[in-house]
Amino acid sequence: MSRCQWAEGAGPKMQHYHDTEWGREERNETKLFELLTLEGFQAGLSWKLVLNRREALRAAFFDYNIYTLSKLSDHQLQTLLDRPGMLKNRLKVFSVRTNALALLQLKKEFKDLGTYLWGFDPAFPHISRRSKDDTPVCESPLSRAIAIDMKRRGFKFVGPKIIYSLMQAAGLVNDHEKECMLCQ
């Protein structure tokens, strides 16, 4: 059984993430907000590092409850930086509250984050048929359009590469390699 090249030999957590989560259709708002947060934290870091800190981040961010996160004070956010397992980027930590507030505003127009994201293209999910030897895609015209719209709505750490990674993680784009056991 072969996996996508990035997951082969990357360790049990990465392989489990690949096998059970990455590229699977996700519409649950809390899970999508977690993925958005993790992808934002991953910018400039390795996904393996972020995945290894996932449980610490989940605990620090109240299981990604946007109502709780939207009410955190600057002091509370600052203290999160001292928690064990926390990724120590102040801008990224503070962006979680900003994004929770932006999501609350977005919910006034859309039912939830899933409806918003999946509503960008009725052809979702997009299925890639690339080989492991092909250069991986890092962004697309659609990820650029979503990033622009999210930035306009006040979200932070939502550039086109982060959004494309979110699209992959949440199954809006299925980028499993042709050789992967999970390629459809």
Protein backbone atom coordinates (compact mmCIF):
# COMPACT_ATOMS: atom_id res chain seq x y z
CA MET A 1 0.00 0.00 0.00
CA SER A 2 1.54 3.30 -1.00
CA ARG A 3 0.74 6.76 0.28
CA CYS A 4 1.36 10.20 -1.12
CA GLN A 5 5.07 10.85 -1.15
CA TRP A 6 4.92 13.49 1.62
CA ALA A 7 3.42 10.93 4.04
CA GLU A 8 5.65 7.94 3.22
CA GLY A 9 8.21 7.45 5.94
CA ALA A 10 7.11 10.64 7.71
CA GLY A 11 6.20 8.89 10.94
CA PRO A 12 3.02 7.47 12.44
CA LYS A 13 1.23 10.80 13.11
CA MET A 14 1.76 12.06 9.58
CA GLN A 15 0.73 8.73 8.09
CA HIS A 16 -2.37 8.57 10.29
CA TYR A 17 -3.29 12.14 9.30
CA HIS A 18 -2.84 11.25 5.62
CA ASP A 19 -4.79 8.00 5.89
CA THR A 20 -7.73 9.22 7.95
CA GLU A 21 -8.13 12.96 7.47
CA TRP A 22 -6.25 14.71 4.66
CA GLY A 23 -8.31 15.12 1.52
CA ARG A 24 -11.55 13.88 3.09
CA GLU A 25 -14.58 16.09 2.73
CA GLU A 26 -15.00 18.18 5.86
CA ARG A 27 -17.93 20.53 6.40
CA ASN A 28 -18.05 20.75 10.19
CA GLU A 29 -17.39 24.34 11.19
CA THR A 30 -15.32 23.59 14.29
CA LYS A 31 -13.10 21.14 12.41
CA LEU A 32 -12.72 23.57 9.51
CA PHE A 33 -11.78 26.36 11.92
CA GLU A 34 -9.20 24.06 13.49
CA LEU A 35 -7.75 23.25 10.06
CA LEU A 36 -7.70 26.94 9.13
CA THR A 37 -5.85 27.69 12.37
CA LEU A 38 -3.37 24.83 11.93
CA GLU A 39 -2.66 25.80 8.32
CA GLY A 40 -2.05 29.38 9.44
CA PHE A 41 0.30 28.20 12.17
CA GLN A 42 2.13 26.01 9.66
CA ALA A 43 3.23 29.00 7.56
CA GLY A 44 7.03 29.01 7.77
CA LEU A 45 7.11 25.76 9.75
CA SER A 46 6.85 22.08 8.93
CA TRP A 47 3.49 20.35 8.96
CA LYS A 48 5.05 17.62 11.08
CA LEU A 49 5.85 20.15 13.82
CA VAL A 50 2.31 21.56 13.76
CA LEU A 51 0.76 18.10 13.79
CA ASN A 52 2.92 17.13 16.76
CA ARG A 53 1.61 20.19 18.63
CA ARG A 54 -2.01 19.69 17.56
CA GLU A 55 -3.32 18.47 20.92
CA ALA A 56 -1.59 21.30 22.79
CA LEU A 57 -3.09 23.82 20.37
CA ARG A 58 -6.54 22.24 20.66
CA ALA A 59 -6.36 22.51 24.46
CA ALA A 60 -5.03 26.07 24.39
CA PHE A 61 -7.75 27.17 21.97
CA PHE A 62 -10.68 25.65 23.87
CA ASP A 63 -11.30 22.95 21.24
CA TYR A 64 -11.69 25.78 18.71
CA ASN A 65 -14.88 27.13 20.23
CA ILE A 66 -15.20 30.38 18.28
CA TYR A 67 -17.49 31.98 20.86
CA THR A 68 -14.94 31.45 23.65
CA LEU A 69 -12.02 32.45 21.42
CA SER A 70 -13.72 35.65 20.31
CA LYS A 71 -13.91 36.83 23.94
CA LEU A 72 -10.28 36.26 24.92
CA SER A 73 -8.44 39.31 26.16
CA ASP A 74 -4.98 40.35 25.00
CA HIS A 75 -3.66 39.22 28.39
CA GLN A 76 -5.25 35.77 28.03
CA LEU A 77 -3.82 35.38 24.55
CA GLN A 78 -0.40 36.52 25.74
CA THR A 79 -0.40 33.90 28.50
CA LEU A 80 -1.07 31.19 25.92
CA LEU A 81 2.41 31.81 24.55
CA ASP A 82 3.87 30.36 27.77
CA ARG A 83 1.88 27.11 27.62
CA PRO A 84 3.78 23.88 27.01
CA GLY A 85 3.55 22.76 23.41
CA MET A 86 2.39 26.16 22.15
CA LEU A 87 3.88 27.51 18.97
CA LYS A 88 5.37 30.80 20.10
CA ASN A 89 4.37 33.20 17.35
CA ARG A 90 2.43 36.07 18.93
CA LEU A 91 0.85 37.19 15.64
CA LYS A 92 -0.45 33.70 14.93
CA VAL A 93 -1.79 33.23 18.46
CA PHE A 94 -3.60 36.58 18.36
CA SER A 95 -4.93 35.79 14.87
CA VAL A 96 -7.04 32.99 16.35
CA ARG A 97 -9.22 35.54 18.16
CA THR A 98 -9.29 37.78 15.09
CA ASN A 99 -10.39 34.85 12.94
CA ALA A 100 -13.04 33.78 15.46
CA LEU A 101 -14.46 37.32 15.37
CA ALA A 102 -14.35 37.34 11.56
CA LEU A 103 -16.11 33.98 11.48
CA LEU A 104 -18.87 35.27 13.76
CA GLN A 105 -19.43 38.09 11.26
CA LEU A 106 -19.31 35.66 8.33
CA LYS A 107 -22.02 33.56 10.02
CA LYS A 108 -24.41 36.49 9.69
CA GLU A 109 -24.26 36.02 5.93
CA PHE A 110 -23.61 32.27 5.65
CA LYS A 111 -24.89 29.39 7.74
CA ASP A 112 -21.37 28.39 8.73
CA LEU A 113 -17.76 28.17 7.54
CA GLY A 114 -18.45 24.98 5.60
CA THR A 115 -21.29 26.56 3.64
CA TYR A 116 -19.05 29.53 2.87
CA LEU A 117 -16.05 27.50 1.69
CA TRP A 118 -17.92 24.79 -0.20
CA GLY A 119 -20.11 27.44 -1.83
CA PHE A 120 -17.21 28.92 -3.78
CA ASP A 121 -17.46 26.28 -6.50
CA PRO A 122 -20.33 23.88 -7.17
CA ALA A 123 -17.78 21.53 -8.79
CA PHE A 124 -16.09 20.79 -5.44
CA PRO A 125 -14.39 18.55 -4.74
CA HIS A 126 -11.76 19.08 -7.40
CA ILE A 127 -9.86 15.87 -8.01
CA SER A 128 -6.23 16.07 -9.02
CA ARG A 129 -4.63 13.33 -11.01
CA ARG A 130 -1.02 14.26 -10.49
CA SER A 131 1.77 11.77 -10.20
CA LYS A 132 4.26 11.73 -7.35
CA ASP A 133 6.82 13.01 -9.86
CA ASP A 134 4.73 16.10 -10.71
CA THR A 135 5.45 19.39 -8.99
CA PRO A 136 2.90 19.83 -6.20
CA VAL A 137 0.41 22.66 -6.55
CA CYS A 138 0.74 25.32 -3.85
CA GLU A 139 -2.07 27.67 -4.83
CA SER A 140 -4.73 28.12 -7.48
CA PRO A 141 -6.92 30.88 -8.90
CA LEU A 142 -9.65 29.66 -6.56
CA SER A 143 -7.43 29.70 -3.47
CA ARG A 144 -6.40 33.24 -4.42
CA ALA A 145 -10.06 34.30 -4.74
CA ILE A 146 -10.99 32.75 -1.38
CA ALA A 147 -7.93 34.32 0.28
CA ILE A 148 -8.84 37.76 -1.06
CA ASP A 149 -12.41 37.40 0.15
CA MET A 150 -11.38 36.14 3.60
CA LYS A 151 -8.88 38.97 4.02
CA ARG A 152 -11.60 41.44 3.04
CA ARG A 153 -13.73 39.90 5.80
CA GLY A 154 -10.98 40.44 8.39
CA PHE A 155 -9.36 36.99 8.57
CA LYS A 156 -5.60 36.78 9.18
CA PHE A 157 -3.06 34.21 7.96
CA VAL A 158 -5.24 33.33 4.99
CA GLY A 159 -2.93 33.80 2.02
CA PRO A 160 -3.52 31.75 -1.14
CA LYS A 161 -1.04 29.02 -0.16
CA ILE A 162 -2.58 28.63 3.30
CA ILE A 163 -6.05 28.51 1.75
CA TYR A 164 -4.94 25.95 -0.82
CA SER A 165 -3.55 23.81 2.00
CA LEU A 166 -6.88 24.19 3.81
CA MET A 167 -8.68 23.15 0.61
CA GLN A 168 -6.50 20.04 0.44
CA ALA A 169 -6.92 19.20 4.11
CA ALA A 170 -10.71 19.67 4.03
CA GLY A 171 -11.23 17.75 0.81
CA LEU A 172 -12.31 20.65 -1.37
CA VAL A 173 -9.35 19.57 -3.46
CA ASN A 174 -8.32 15.93 -3.55
CA ASP A 175 -4.60 16.07 -4.27
CA HIS A 176 -3.77 12.46 -3.44
CA GLU A 177 -1.21 11.27 -5.96
CA LYS A 178 -2.31 8.76 -8.62
CA GLU A 179 -0.11 6.15 -6.96
CA CYS A 180 -1.67 6.71 -3.53
CA MET A 181 -3.97 4.10 -2.06
CA LEU A 182 -6.50 6.88 -1.38
CA CYS A 183 -6.62 8.33 -4.89
CA GLN A 184 -10.14 8.11 -6.23
